């Protein structure tokens, strides 16, 4: 077996001790060609055009943004002419970012060394699963897409990260509260059209939605070590899920926002916010529209503000090195269900 191993030497979580814990484990299972990224988007450039004849797997050590780069490099830019999963290297992940939602959704420990041990075992036994992705803003994604308030929170968090401030659950709560305070009088008014398949095929239309996130994984994100689960039936083999808040007015609206991002968990768990929530599963296509240009994010990375966004489910389009039965529950059982 031959694998391409990509890492970012500038990452604050990557040091000599981490490398010593990861690389020897991987070498037990595969030959490695190691490359370091030098700029944003470099991982995507590195893997663009690779086939299974080049490498059996591409192993990315990084966060969800780095995983997204590799995904888009492997699948290319043409949605209709994307390669078959069997024709490109399998995607493997060692978590070393801040949230690591995708890796943890696959059941990998958040420790790079422990994740490398588990990954090496799967590589040795040839264990993979073929998962679905989404497509939005000309990008494939594996974790989530946000439009409006969620994306505004992500954008603010990116600025703080640039100043060396950690993306903790408490910090997300502060940013979410600030976003609610700015927007409570004139919240985003997003119009949503969603095509739902599954047991009850239908078209769903929503209007005046201030907060929405589309997920490809369960959980949709983490508050520190705690998974935030909006759509517990979601799996990586299914279509997309949607979670929205219909009303963020008043103190209960603030509570609903804080609950959705995992802040004030112990206090807010005693409140019922279901009347303000929308949960949709098995969604194959979603269209967002707004009169004003709003922030948007794809897999935790800000994209250009827009008034319209279409999101499509791409079924079983990428092979990943993971056990088909593993989930986030294998590494942590205590989840915050946003219901």
C-alpha atoms as a PDB file:
ATOM      1  CA  UNK A   1       0.000   0.000   0.000  1.00  0.00           C
ATOM      2  CA  UNK A   2       1.193   3.504  -0.871  1.00  0.00           C
ATOM      3  CA  UNK A   3      -0.233   6.652   0.738  1.00  0.00           C
ATOM      4  CA  UNK A   4       0.289  10.389   0.419  1.00  0.00           C
ATOM      5  CA  UNK A   5       0.567  12.011   3.862  1.00  0.00           C
ATOM      6  CA  UNK A   6      -0.205  15.750   3.978  1.00  0.00           C
ATOM      7  CA  UNK A   7       0.262  18.014   6.991  1.00  0.00           C
ATOM      8  CA  UNK A   8       0.656  21.698   7.764  1.00  0.00           C
ATOM      9  CA  UNK A   9       3.990  22.531   9.424  1.00  0.00           C
ATOM     10  CA  UNK A  10       2.585  25.888  10.592  1.00  0.00           C
ATOM     11  CA  UNK A  11      -0.258  24.288  12.544  1.00  0.00           C
ATOM     12  CA  UNK A  12      -0.083  25.104  16.257  1.00  0.00           C
ATOM     13  CA  UNK A  13      -1.154  21.546  17.094  1.00  0.00           C
ATOM     14  CA  UNK A  14       1.566  19.911  14.984  1.00  0.00           C
ATOM     15  CA  UNK A  15       4.869  19.455  16.801  1.00  0.00           C
ATOM     16  CA  UNK A  16       7.642  16.877  17.058  1.00  0.00           C
ATOM     17  CA  UNK A  17       5.858  14.820  19.708  1.00  0.00           C
ATOM     18  CA  UNK A  18       2.694  14.611  17.593  1.00  0.00           C
ATOM     19  CA  UNK A  19       4.700  13.571  14.540  1.00  0.00           C
ATOM     20  CA  UNK A  20       6.497  10.896  16.569  1.00  0.00           C
ATOM     21  CA  UNK A  21       3.141   9.546  17.726  1.00  0.00           C
ATOM     22  CA  UNK A  22       1.587   9.514  14.250  1.00  0.00           C
ATOM     23  CA  UNK A  23       4.151   8.624  11.589  1.00  0.00           C
ATOM     24  CA  UNK A  24       5.508   5.341  13.078  1.00  0.00           C
ATOM     25  CA  UNK A  25       1.950   4.032  13.450  1.00  0.00           C
ATOM     26  CA  UNK A  26       1.155   4.784   9.817  1.00  0.00           C
ATOM     27  CA  UNK A  27       4.383   3.190   8.600  1.00  0.00           C
ATOM     28  CA  UNK A  28       3.210  -0.103  10.117  1.00  0.00           C
ATOM     29  CA  UNK A  29       0.423  -0.153   7.519  1.00  0.00           C
ATOM     30  CA  UNK A  30       1.558   1.752   4.440  1.00  0.00           C
ATOM     31  CA  UNK A  31       4.459   3.286   2.581  1.00  0.00           C
ATOM     32  CA  UNK A  32       4.316   7.061   2.994  1.00  0.00           C
ATOM     33  CA  UNK A  33       5.149   9.990   0.772  1.00  0.00           C
ATOM     34  CA  UNK A  34       5.066  13.018   3.082  1.00  0.00           C
ATOM     35  CA  UNK A  35       4.276  16.550   1.898  1.00  0.00           C
ATOM     36  CA  UNK A  36       3.856  19.812   3.806  1.00  0.00           C
ATOM     37  CA  UNK A  37       1.400  22.507   2.801  1.00  0.00           C
ATOM     38  CA  UNK A  38       2.812  25.974   2.203  1.00  0.00           C
ATOM     39  CA  UNK A  39      -0.293  28.103   1.619  1.00  0.00           C
ATOM     40  CA  UNK A  40      -4.083  28.046   1.871  1.00  0.00           C
ATOM     41  CA  UNK A  41      -5.444  25.690  -0.763  1.00  0.00           C
ATOM     42  CA  UNK A  42      -2.128  23.876  -1.207  1.00  0.00           C
ATOM     43  CA  UNK A  43      -3.550  20.491  -0.150  1.00  0.00           C
ATOM     44  CA  UNK A  44      -6.227  20.847  -2.820  1.00  0.00           C
ATOM     45  CA  UNK A  45      -3.584  21.605  -5.439  1.00  0.00           C
ATOM     46  CA  UNK A  46      -1.446  18.652  -4.315  1.00  0.00           C
ATOM     47  CA  UNK A  47      -4.127  16.017  -4.822  1.00  0.00           C
ATOM     48  CA  UNK A  48      -5.881  17.404  -7.897  1.00  0.00           C
ATOM     49  CA  UNK A  49      -5.932  14.783 -10.628  1.00  0.00           C
ATOM     50  CA  UNK A  50      -4.582  11.929  -8.501  1.00  0.00           C
ATOM     51  CA  UNK A  51      -5.877   8.441  -9.262  1.00  0.00           C
ATOM     52  CA  UNK A  52      -5.834   5.126  -7.414  1.00  0.00           C
ATOM     53  CA  UNK A  53      -2.826   4.220  -9.589  1.00  0.00           C
ATOM     54  CA  UNK A  54      -0.881   7.039  -7.883  1.00  0.00           C
ATOM     55  CA  UNK A  55      -1.853   6.338  -4.263  1.00  0.00           C
ATOM     56  CA  UNK A  56      -4.180   3.982  -2.453  1.00  0.00           C
ATOM     57  CA  UNK A  57      -5.004   6.676   0.105  1.00  0.00           C
ATOM     58  CA  UNK A  58      -4.456  10.348   0.847  1.00  0.00           C
ATOM     59  CA  UNK A  59      -3.976  10.889   4.583  1.00  0.00           C
ATOM     60  CA  UNK A  60      -4.595  14.465   5.705  1.00  0.00           C
ATOM     61  CA  UNK A  61      -3.551  15.512   9.196  1.00  0.00           C
ATOM     62  CA  UNK A  62      -5.522  18.654   9.897  1.00  0.00           C
ATOM     63  CA  UNK A  63      -8.928  20.074  10.700  1.00  0.00           C
ATOM     64  CA  UNK A  64     -12.166  20.161   8.739  1.00  0.00           C
ATOM     65  CA  UNK A  65     -10.882  22.924   6.464  1.00  0.00           C
ATOM     66  CA  UNK A  66      -7.903  20.803   5.413  1.00  0.00           C
ATOM     67  CA  UNK A  67     -10.161  17.793   4.854  1.00  0.00           C
ATOM     68  CA  UNK A  68     -12.364  19.981   2.659  1.00  0.00           C
ATOM     69  CA  UNK A  69      -9.359  20.970   0.545  1.00  0.00           C
ATOM     70  CA  UNK A  70      -8.419  17.338  -0.092  1.00  0.00           C
ATOM     71  CA  UNK A  71     -12.037  16.416  -0.859  1.00  0.00           C
ATOM     72  CA  UNK A  72     -12.300  19.154  -3.484  1.00  0.00           C
ATOM     73  CA  UNK A  73      -8.926  18.322  -4.986  1.00  0.00           C
ATOM     74  CA  UNK A  74      -9.872  14.661  -5.400  1.00  0.00           C
ATOM     75  CA  UNK A  75     -13.392  15.253  -6.748  1.00  0.00           C
ATOM     76  CA  UNK A  76     -12.458  18.183  -8.987  1.00  0.00           C
ATOM     77  CA  UNK A  77     -14.434  21.241 -10.002  1.00  0.00           C
ATOM     78  CA  UNK A  78     -16.922  19.677 -12.445  1.00  0.00           C
ATOM     79  CA  UNK A  79     -19.900  18.355 -10.511  1.00  0.00           C
ATOM     80  CA  UNK A  80     -21.169  16.246 -13.402  1.00  0.00           C
ATOM     81  CA  UNK A  81     -17.783  14.861 -14.481  1.00  0.00           C
ATOM     82  CA  UNK A  82     -16.450  13.968 -11.050  1.00  0.00           C
ATOM     83  CA  UNK A  83     -14.477  10.709 -10.849  1.00  0.00           C
ATOM     84  CA  UNK A  84     -15.813   7.452  -9.453  1.00  0.00           C
ATOM     85  CA  UNK A  85     -14.850   6.772  -5.809  1.00  0.00           C
ATOM     86  CA  UNK A  86     -13.038   3.617  -6.949  1.00  0.00           C
ATOM     87  CA  UNK A  87     -10.833   5.596  -9.350  1.00  0.00           C
ATOM     88  CA  UNK A  88      -9.336   8.042  -6.835  1.00  0.00           C
ATOM     89  CA  UNK A  89      -7.389   7.519  -3.599  1.00  0.00           C
ATOM     90  CA  UNK A  90      -9.400   6.857  -0.470  1.00  0.00           C
ATOM     91  CA  UNK A  91      -9.553   9.785   1.967  1.00  0.00           C
ATOM     92  CA  UNK A  92      -8.099   9.255   5.445  1.00  0.00           C
ATOM     93  CA  UNK A  93      -8.085  11.776   8.296  1.00  0.00           C
ATOM     94  CA  UNK A  94      -5.965  12.325  11.391  1.00  0.00           C
ATOM     95  CA  UNK A  95      -7.555  15.120  13.462  1.00  0.00           C
ATOM     96  CA  UNK A  96      -5.356  18.061  14.393  1.00  0.00           C
ATOM     97  CA  UNK A  97      -7.705  21.033  14.028  1.00  0.00           C
ATOM     98  CA  UNK A  98      -9.963  22.791  16.523  1.00  0.00           C
ATOM     99  CA  UNK A  99     -13.288  20.976  16.029  1.00  0.00           C
ATOM    100  CA  UNK A 100     -12.397  17.941  13.871  1.00  0.00           C
ATOM    101  CA  UNK A 101     -16.082  17.249  13.264  1.00  0.00           C
ATOM    102  CA  UNK A 102     -15.624  14.915  10.294  1.00  0.00           C
ATOM    103  CA  UNK A 103     -12.926  12.762  11.882  1.00  0.00           C
ATOM    104  CA  UNK A 104     -14.925  12.408  15.089  1.00  0.00           C
ATOM    105  CA  UNK A 105     -18.120  11.659  13.131  1.00  0.00           C
ATOM    106  CA  UNK A 106     -16.200   8.703  11.659  1.00  0.00           C
ATOM    107  CA  UNK A 107     -15.489   7.480  15.189  1.00  0.00           C
ATOM    108  CA  UNK A 108     -11.844   8.568  15.381  1.00  0.00           C
ATOM    109  CA  UNK A 109     -10.436   9.758  18.728  1.00  0.00           C
ATOM    110  CA  UNK A 110      -9.536  13.442  18.862  1.00  0.00           C
ATOM    111  CA  UNK A 111      -5.939  12.549  19.774  1.00  0.00           C
ATOM    112  CA  UNK A 112      -3.736  12.399  16.639  1.00  0.00           C
ATOM    113  CA  UNK A 113      -1.687   9.526  18.047  1.00  0.00           C
ATOM    114  CA  UNK A 114      -4.705   7.420  19.007  1.00  0.00           C
ATOM    115  CA  UNK A 115      -6.396   8.223  15.697  1.00  0.00           C
ATOM    116  CA  UNK A 116      -3.261   7.126  13.818  1.00  0.00           C
ATOM    117  CA  UNK A 117      -3.324   3.744  15.590  1.00  0.00           C
ATOM    118  CA  UNK A 118      -6.947   3.199  14.625  1.00  0.00           C
ATOM    119  CA  UNK A 119      -6.347   4.375  11.059  1.00  0.00           C
ATOM    120  CA  UNK A 120      -3.336   2.067  10.653  1.00  0.00           C
ATOM    121  CA  UNK A 121      -5.481  -0.902  11.652  1.00  0.00           C
ATOM    122  CA  UNK A 122      -8.078  -0.027   9.033  1.00  0.00           C
ATOM    123  CA  UNK A 123      -5.395   0.442   6.363  1.00  0.00           C
ATOM    124  CA  UNK A 124      -3.903  -2.956   7.161  1.00  0.00           C
ATOM    125  CA  UNK A 125      -7.308  -4.644   6.885  1.00  0.00           C
ATOM    126  CA  UNK A 126      -8.531  -2.618   3.901  1.00  0.00           C
ATOM    127  CA  UNK A 127     -11.566  -1.273   5.769  1.00  0.00           C
ATOM    128  CA  UNK A 128     -13.343   1.636   4.051  1.00  0.00           C
ATOM    129  CA  UNK A 129     -16.803   3.139   3.661  1.00  0.00           C
ATOM    130  CA  UNK A 130     -18.202   5.203   0.801  1.00  0.00           C
ATOM    131  CA  UNK A 131     -19.894   8.349   2.096  1.00  0.00           C
ATOM    132  CA  UNK A 132     -22.023  11.133   0.711  1.00  0.00           C
ATOM    133  CA  UNK A 133     -21.110  14.803   0.487  1.00  0.00           C
ATOM    134  CA  UNK A 134     -22.832  18.073  -0.287  1.00  0.00           C
ATOM    135  CA  UNK A 135     -22.160  20.716  -2.928  1.00  0.00           C
ATOM    136  CA  UNK A 136     -22.585  24.466  -2.338  1.00  0.00           C
ATOM    137  CA  UNK A 137     -20.897  27.662  -3.561  1.00  0.00           C
ATOM    138  CA  UNK A 138     -18.949  25.582  -6.117  1.00  0.00           C
ATOM    139  CA  UNK A 139     -17.441  23.504  -3.297  1.00  0.00           C
ATOM    140  CA  UNK A 140     -17.983  19.964  -2.108  1.00  0.00           C
ATOM    141  CA  UNK A 141     -18.382  19.666   1.659  1.00  0.00           C
ATOM    142  CA  UNK A 142     -18.457  16.862   4.225  1.00  0.00           C
ATOM    143  CA  UNK A 143     -19.573  18.584   7.446  1.00  0.00           C
ATOM    144  CA  UNK A 144     -21.956  21.531   7.163  1.00  0.00           C
ATOM    145  CA  UNK A 145     -23.007  24.729   5.421  1.00  0.00           C
ATOM    146  CA  UNK A 146     -24.370  27.795   7.192  1.00  0.00           C
ATOM    147  CA  UNK A 147     -26.132  30.873   5.824  1.00  0.00           C
ATOM    148  CA  UNK A 148     -26.801  34.015   7.832  1.00  0.00           C
ATOM    149  CA  UNK A 149     -26.256  34.013  11.594  1.00  0.00           C
ATOM    150  CA  UNK A 150     -24.327  30.714  11.778  1.00  0.00           C
ATOM    151  CA  UNK A 151     -21.905  31.948   9.118  1.00  0.00           C
ATOM    152  CA  UNK A 152     -21.560  35.316  10.884  1.00  0.00           C
ATOM    153  CA  UNK A 153     -20.489  33.478  14.049  1.00  0.00           C
ATOM    154  CA  UNK A 154     -17.949  31.421  12.060  1.00  0.00           C
ATOM    155  CA  UNK A 155     -16.566  34.573  10.419  1.00  0.00           C
ATOM    156  CA  UNK A 156     -16.149  36.318  13.777  1.00  0.00           C
ATOM    157  CA  UNK A 157     -14.446  33.228  15.200  1.00  0.00           C
ATOM    158  CA  UNK A 158     -12.013  33.165  12.260  1.00  0.00           C
ATOM    159  CA  UNK A 159     -10.962  36.736  13.081  1.00  0.00           C
ATOM    160  CA  UNK A 160     -10.315  35.805  16.710  1.00  0.00           C
ATOM    161  CA  UNK A 161      -8.330  32.725  15.674  1.00  0.00           C
ATOM    162  CA  UNK A 162      -6.184  35.029  13.565  1.00  0.00           C
ATOM    163  CA  UNK A 163      -5.368  36.895  16.780  1.00  0.00           C
ATOM    164  CA  UNK A 164      -4.393  33.677  18.548  1.00  0.00           C
ATOM    165  CA  UNK A 165      -7.639  33.231  20.515  1.00  0.00           C
ATOM    166  CA  UNK A 166      -8.757  29.605  20.861  1.00  0.00           C
ATOM    167  CA  UNK A 167     -12.117  28.461  19.498  1.00  0.00           C
ATOM    168  CA  UNK A 168     -13.561  27.245  22.803  1.00  0.00           C
ATOM    169  CA  UNK A 169     -17.214  26.488  23.511  1.00  0.00           C
ATOM    170  CA  UNK A 170     -17.357  29.531  25.789  1.00  0.00           C
ATOM    171  CA  UNK A 171     -15.956  31.789  23.077  1.00  0.00           C
ATOM    172  CA  UNK A 172     -18.519  30.493  20.575  1.00  0.00           C
ATOM    173  CA  UNK A 173     -21.207  31.303  23.132  1.00  0.00           C
ATOM    174  CA  UNK A 174     -19.938  34.872  23.546  1.00  0.00           C
ATOM    175  CA  UNK A 175     -19.816  35.393  19.776  1.00  0.00           C
ATOM    176  CA  UNK A 176     -23.282  33.886  19.288  1.00  0.00           C
ATOM    177  CA  UNK A 177     -24.707  36.161  21.998  1.00  0.00           C
ATOM    178  CA  UNK A 178     -23.081  39.190  20.346  1.00  0.00           C
ATOM    179  CA  UNK A 179     -24.498  38.154  16.960  1.00  0.00           C
ATOM    180  CA  UNK A 180     -27.965  37.770  18.460  1.00  0.00           C
ATOM    181  CA  UNK A 181     -27.675  41.193  20.127  1.00  0.00           C
ATOM    182  CA  UNK A 182     -26.776  42.841  16.796  1.00  0.00           C
ATOM    183  CA  UNK A 183     -29.462  41.055  14.813  1.00  0.00           C
ATOM    184  CA  UNK A 184     -32.358  40.702  17.259  1.00  0.00           C
ATOM    185  CA  UNK A 185     -34.225  43.792  16.016  1.00  0.00           C
ATOM    186  CA  UNK A 186     -33.596  43.121  12.316  1.00  0.00           C
ATOM    187  CA  UNK A 187     -32.739  39.420  12.027  1.00  0.00           C
ATOM    188  CA  UNK A 188     -31.893  37.782   8.691  1.00  0.00           C
ATOM    189  CA  UNK A 189     -35.042  36.761   6.809  1.00  0.00           C
ATOM    190  CA  UNK A 190     -34.072  33.713   4.797  1.00  0.00           C
ATOM    191  CA  UNK A 191     -36.469  31.950   2.442  1.00  0.00           C
ATOM    192  CA  UNK A 192     -35.858  28.218   2.163  1.00  0.00           C
ATOM    193  CA  UNK A 193     -37.082  25.627  -0.320  1.00  0.00           C
ATOM    194  CA  UNK A 194     -36.097  22.027   0.447  1.00  0.00           C
ATOM    195  CA  UNK A 195     -36.669  18.804  -1.497  1.00  0.00           C
ATOM    196  CA  UNK A 196     -37.162  15.917   0.922  1.00  0.00           C
ATOM    197  CA  UNK A 197     -36.955  12.274  -0.182  1.00  0.00           C
ATOM    198  CA  UNK A 198     -37.177   9.172   2.030  1.00  0.00           C
ATOM    199  CA  UNK A 199     -40.427   7.859   3.496  1.00  0.00           C
ATOM    200  CA  UNK A 200     -42.306  11.148   2.968  1.00  0.00           C
ATOM    201  CA  UNK A 201     -41.158  12.775  -0.301  1.00  0.00           C
ATOM    202  CA  UNK A 202     -42.240  16.414  -0.362  1.00  0.00           C
ATOM    203  CA  UNK A 203     -41.278  20.018  -1.025  1.00  0.00           C
ATOM    204  CA  UNK A 204     -40.915  22.155   2.103  1.00  0.00           C
ATOM    205  CA  UNK A 205     -41.007  25.951   2.010  1.00  0.00           C
ATOM    206  CA  UNK A 206     -39.996  28.144   4.942  1.00  0.00           C
ATOM    207  CA  UNK A 207     -39.852  31.928   5.202  1.00  0.00           C
ATOM    208  CA  UNK A 208     -38.400  34.538   7.546  1.00  0.00           C
ATOM    209  CA  UNK A 209     -35.818  32.106   8.933  1.00  0.00           C
ATOM    210  CA  UNK A 210     -33.038  33.854  10.934  1.00  0.00           C
ATOM    211  CA  UNK A 211     -30.792  30.843  11.698  1.00  0.00           C
ATOM    212  CA  UNK A 212     -30.149  27.790   9.510  1.00  0.00           C
ATOM    213  CA  UNK A 213     -27.477  25.142   9.084  1.00  0.00           C
ATOM    214  CA  UNK A 214     -27.323  22.216   6.643  1.00  0.00           C
ATOM    215  CA  UNK A 215     -25.477  19.139   7.862  1.00  0.00           C
ATOM    216  CA  UNK A 216     -23.858  16.128   6.233  1.00  0.00           C
ATOM    217  CA  UNK A 217     -22.681  14.669   9.561  1.00  0.00           C
ATOM    218  CA  UNK A 218     -23.935  13.864  13.019  1.00  0.00           C
ATOM    219  CA  UNK A 219     -23.087  15.826  15.138  1.00  0.00           C
ATOM    220  CA  UNK A 220     -23.246  19.120  13.267  1.00  0.00           C
ATOM    221  CA  UNK A 221     -20.428  20.546  15.400  1.00  0.00           C
ATOM    222  CA  UNK A 222     -18.868  20.339  18.867  1.00  0.00           C
ATOM    223  CA  UNK A 223     -18.973  22.547  21.939  1.00  0.00           C
ATOM    224  CA  UNK A 224     -15.549  21.636  23.237  1.00  0.00           C
ATOM    225  CA  UNK A 225     -15.771  17.874  23.766  1.00  0.00           C
ATOM    226  CA  UNK A 226     -19.582  17.741  23.612  1.00  0.00           C
ATOM    227  CA  UNK A 227     -21.231  16.744  20.296  1.00  0.00           C
ATOM    228  CA  UNK A 228     -24.127  18.995  19.243  1.00  0.00           C
ATOM    229  CA  UNK A 229     -26.765  16.823  17.596  1.00  0.00           C
ATOM    230  CA  UNK A 230     -29.586  18.538  15.696  1.00  0.00           C
ATOM    231  CA  UNK A 231     -30.637  15.618  13.473  1.00  0.00           C
ATOM    232  CA  UNK A 232     -29.846  12.304  15.198  1.00  0.00           C
ATOM    233  CA  UNK A 233     -31.032  10.189  12.232  1.00  0.00           C
ATOM    234  CA  UNK A 234     -28.409  11.703   9.934  1.00  0.00           C
ATOM    235  CA  UNK A 235     -25.578   9.448   8.723  1.00  0.00           C
ATOM    236  CA  UNK A 236     -22.777   9.975   6.229  1.00  0.00           C
ATOM    237  CA  UNK A 237     -24.430   7.553   3.796  1.00  0.00           C
ATOM    238  CA  UNK A 238     -27.713   9.510   3.665  1.00  0.00           C
ATOM    239  CA  UNK A 239     -28.716  12.779   2.034  1.00  0.00           C
ATOM    240  CA  UNK A 240     -28.463  16.096   3.892  1.00  0.00           C
ATOM    241  CA  UNK A 241     -30.223  17.320   7.026  1.00  0.00           C
ATOM    242  CA  UNK A 242     -31.449  20.827   7.837  1.00  0.00           C
ATOM    243  CA  UNK A 243     -31.835  22.557  11.181  1.00  0.00           C
ATOM    244  CA  UNK A 244     -33.397  26.001  11.504  1.00  0.00           C
ATOM    245  CA  UNK A 245     -34.687  28.384  14.145  1.00  0.00           C
ATOM    246  CA  UNK A 246     -37.897  30.134  13.119  1.00  0.00           C
ATOM    247  CA  UNK A 247     -37.798  32.798  15.818  1.00  0.00           C
ATOM    248  CA  UNK A 248     -34.917  34.325  17.792  1.00  0.00           C
ATOM    249  CA  UNK A 249     -36.861  37.156  19.426  1.00  0.00           C
ATOM    250  CA  UNK A 250     -36.752  37.834  23.156  1.00  0.00           C
ATOM    251  CA  UNK A 251     -34.744  36.115  25.845  1.00  0.00           C
ATOM    252  CA  UNK A 252     -36.134  32.737  24.819  1.00  0.00           C
ATOM    253  CA  UNK A 253     -34.846  33.444  21.313  1.00  0.00           C
ATOM    254  CA  UNK A 254     -31.408  34.145  22.747  1.00  0.00           C
ATOM    255  CA  UNK A 255     -31.687  30.889  24.668  1.00  0.00           C
ATOM    256  CA  UNK A 256     -32.562  29.004  21.473  1.00  0.00           C
ATOM    257  CA  UNK A 257     -29.491  30.408  19.699  1.00  0.00           C
ATOM    258  CA  UNK A 258     -27.190  29.673  22.636  1.00  0.00           C
ATOM    259  CA  UNK A 259     -28.633  26.164  22.931  1.00  0.00           C
ATOM    260  CA  UNK A 260     -27.996  25.538  19.210  1.00  0.00           C
ATOM    261  CA  UNK A 261     -24.298  26.410  19.545  1.00  0.00           C
ATOM    262  CA  UNK A 262     -23.896  24.467  22.793  1.00  0.00           C
ATOM    263  CA  UNK A 263     -23.465  27.394  25.181  1.00  0.00           C
ATOM    264  CA  UNK A 264     -25.019  27.391  28.652  1.00  0.00           C
ATOM    265  CA  UNK A 265     -25.664  23.679  28.302  1.00  0.00           C
ATOM    266  CA  UNK A 266     -26.589  22.857  31.904  1.00  0.00           C
ATOM    267  CA  UNK A 267     -28.902  25.835  32.292  1.00  0.00           C
ATOM    268  CA  UNK A 268     -30.633  25.639  28.907  1.00  0.00           C
ATOM    269  CA  UNK A 269     -31.232  21.881  28.860  1.00  0.00           C
ATOM    270  CA  UNK A 270     -34.215  22.428  31.149  1.00  0.00           C
ATOM    271  CA  UNK A 271     -35.968  24.638  28.551  1.00  0.00           C
ATOM    272  CA  UNK A 272     -38.039  23.424  25.594  1.00  0.00           C
ATOM    273  CA  UNK A 273     -37.163  25.185  22.321  1.00  0.00           C
ATOM    274  CA  UNK A 274     -38.859  22.738  19.940  1.00  0.00           C
ATOM    275  CA  UNK A 275     -41.604  25.201  18.942  1.00  0.00           C
ATOM    276  CA  UNK A 276     -38.927  27.438  17.413  1.00  0.00           C
ATOM    277  CA  UNK A 277     -37.045  24.629  15.656  1.00  0.00           C
ATOM    278  CA  UNK A 278     -37.290  22.946  12.252  1.00  0.00           C
ATOM    279  CA  UNK A 279     -35.646  19.556  11.637  1.00  0.00           C
ATOM    280  CA  UNK A 280     -35.591  18.003   8.144  1.00  0.00           C
ATOM    281  CA  UNK A 281     -33.801  14.803   7.100  1.00  0.00           C
ATOM    282  CA  UNK A 282     -33.203  13.078   3.731  1.00  0.00           C
ATOM    283  CA  UNK A 283     -32.942  16.439   1.962  1.00  0.00           C
ATOM    284  CA  UNK A 284     -31.543  16.205  -1.571  1.00  0.00           C
ATOM    285  CA  UNK A 285     -31.682  19.865  -2.564  1.00  0.00           C
ATOM    286  CA  UNK A 286     -31.994  23.145  -0.656  1.00  0.00           C
ATOM    287  CA  UNK A 287     -32.229  26.705  -1.913  1.00  0.00           C
ATOM    288  CA  UNK A 288     -31.644  29.731   0.320  1.00  0.00           C
ATOM    289  CA  UNK A 289     -32.708  33.226  -0.710  1.00  0.00           C
ATOM    290  CA  UNK A 290     -32.491  36.588   1.043  1.00  0.00           C
ATOM    291  CA  UNK A 291     -33.164  40.177   0.020  1.00  0.00           C
ATOM    292  CA  UNK A 292     -29.790  41.160   1.472  1.00  0.00           C
ATOM    293  CA  UNK A 293     -26.388  39.564   0.941  1.00  0.00           C
ATOM    294  CA  UNK A 294     -25.608  37.386   3.957  1.00  0.00           C
ATOM    295  CA  UNK A 295     -22.484  35.643   5.253  1.00  0.00           C
ATOM    296  CA  UNK A 296     -22.065  32.007   4.260  1.00  0.00           C
ATOM    297  CA  UNK A 297     -19.718  29.240   5.362  1.00  0.00           C
ATOM    298  CA  UNK A 298     -18.780  25.849   3.931  1.00  0.00           C
ATOM    299  CA  UNK A 299     -17.153  23.327   6.286  1.00  0.00           C
ATOM    300  CA  UNK A 300     -16.306  26.112   8.718  1.00  0.00           C
ATOM    301  CA  UNK A 301     -14.613  28.345   6.132  1.00  0.00           C
ATOM    302  CA  UNK A 302     -16.187  31.666   5.141  1.00  0.00           C
ATOM    303  CA  UNK A 303     -17.192  32.120   1.508  1.00  0.00           C
ATOM    304  CA  UNK A 304     -18.395  35.218  -0.313  1.00  0.00           C
ATOM    305  CA  UNK A 305     -21.545  36.884   1.008  1.00  0.00           C
ATOM    306  CA  UNK A 306     -24.519  36.167  -1.222  1.00  0.00           C
ATOM    307  CA  UNK A 307     -28.275  36.565  -1.567  1.00  0.00           C
ATOM    308  CA  UNK A 308     -28.786  33.064  -2.973  1.00  0.00           C
ATOM    309  CA  UNK A 309     -27.303  29.638  -2.327  1.00  0.00           C
ATOM    310  CA  UNK A 310     -28.238  26.207  -3.666  1.00  0.00           C
ATOM    311  CA  UNK A 311     -27.071  23.102  -1.809  1.00  0.00           C
ATOM    312  CA  UNK A 312     -27.194  19.629  -3.348  1.00  0.00           C
ATOM    313  CA  UNK A 313     -26.628  16.189  -1.842  1.00  0.00           C
ATOM    314  CA  UNK A 314     -24.038  14.109  -3.715  1.00  0.00           C
ATOM    315  CA  UNK A 315     -24.660  10.459  -2.779  1.00  0.00           C
ATOM    316  CA  UNK A 316     -21.783   8.088  -1.942  1.00  0.00           C
ATOM    317  CA  UNK A 317     -19.138  10.032  -3.833  1.00  0.00           C
ATOM    318  CA  UNK A 318     -15.924   9.515  -1.813  1.00  0.00           C
ATOM    319  CA  UNK A 319     -14.338   6.468  -0.192  1.00  0.00           C
ATOM    320  CA  UNK A 320     -12.964   7.103   3.291  1.00  0.00           C
ATOM    321  CA  UNK A 321     -10.825   4.910   5.525  1.00  0.00           C
ATOM    322  CA  UNK A 322     -13.189   4.186   8.414  1.00  0.00           C
ATOM    323  CA  UNK A 323     -15.381   1.399   9.717  1.00  0.00           C
ATOM    324  CA  UNK A 324     -18.949   1.582   8.342  1.00  0.00           C
ATOM    325  CA  UNK A 325     -20.448   1.045  11.806  1.00  0.00           C
ATOM    326  CA  UNK A 326     -18.352   3.582  13.726  1.00  0.00           C
ATOM    327  CA  UNK A 327     -19.845   6.913  14.839  1.00  0.00           C
ATOM    328  CA  UNK A 328     -19.063   9.735  17.247  1.00  0.00           C
ATOM    329  CA  UNK A 329     -20.853   7.698  19.939  1.00  0.00           C
ATOM    330  CA  UNK A 330     -17.984   5.201  19.926  1.00  0.00           C
ATOM    331  CA  UNK A 331     -15.657   7.825  21.392  1.00  0.00           C
ATOM    332  CA  UNK A 332     -18.070   9.857  23.528  1.00  0.00           C
ATOM    333  CA  UNK A 333     -21.565   9.003  24.624  1.00  0.00           C
ATOM    334  CA  UNK A 334     -22.592  12.336  26.170  1.00  0.00           C
ATOM    335  CA  UNK A 335     -24.243  14.423  23.454  1.00  0.00           C
ATOM    336  CA  UNK A 336     -26.329  17.589  23.539  1.00  0.00           C
ATOM    337  CA  UNK A 337     -29.470  16.939  21.521  1.00  0.00           C
ATOM    338  CA  UNK A 338     -30.755  20.212  20.057  1.00  0.00           C
ATOM    339  CA  UNK A 339     -34.447  19.365  20.267  1.00  0.00           C
END
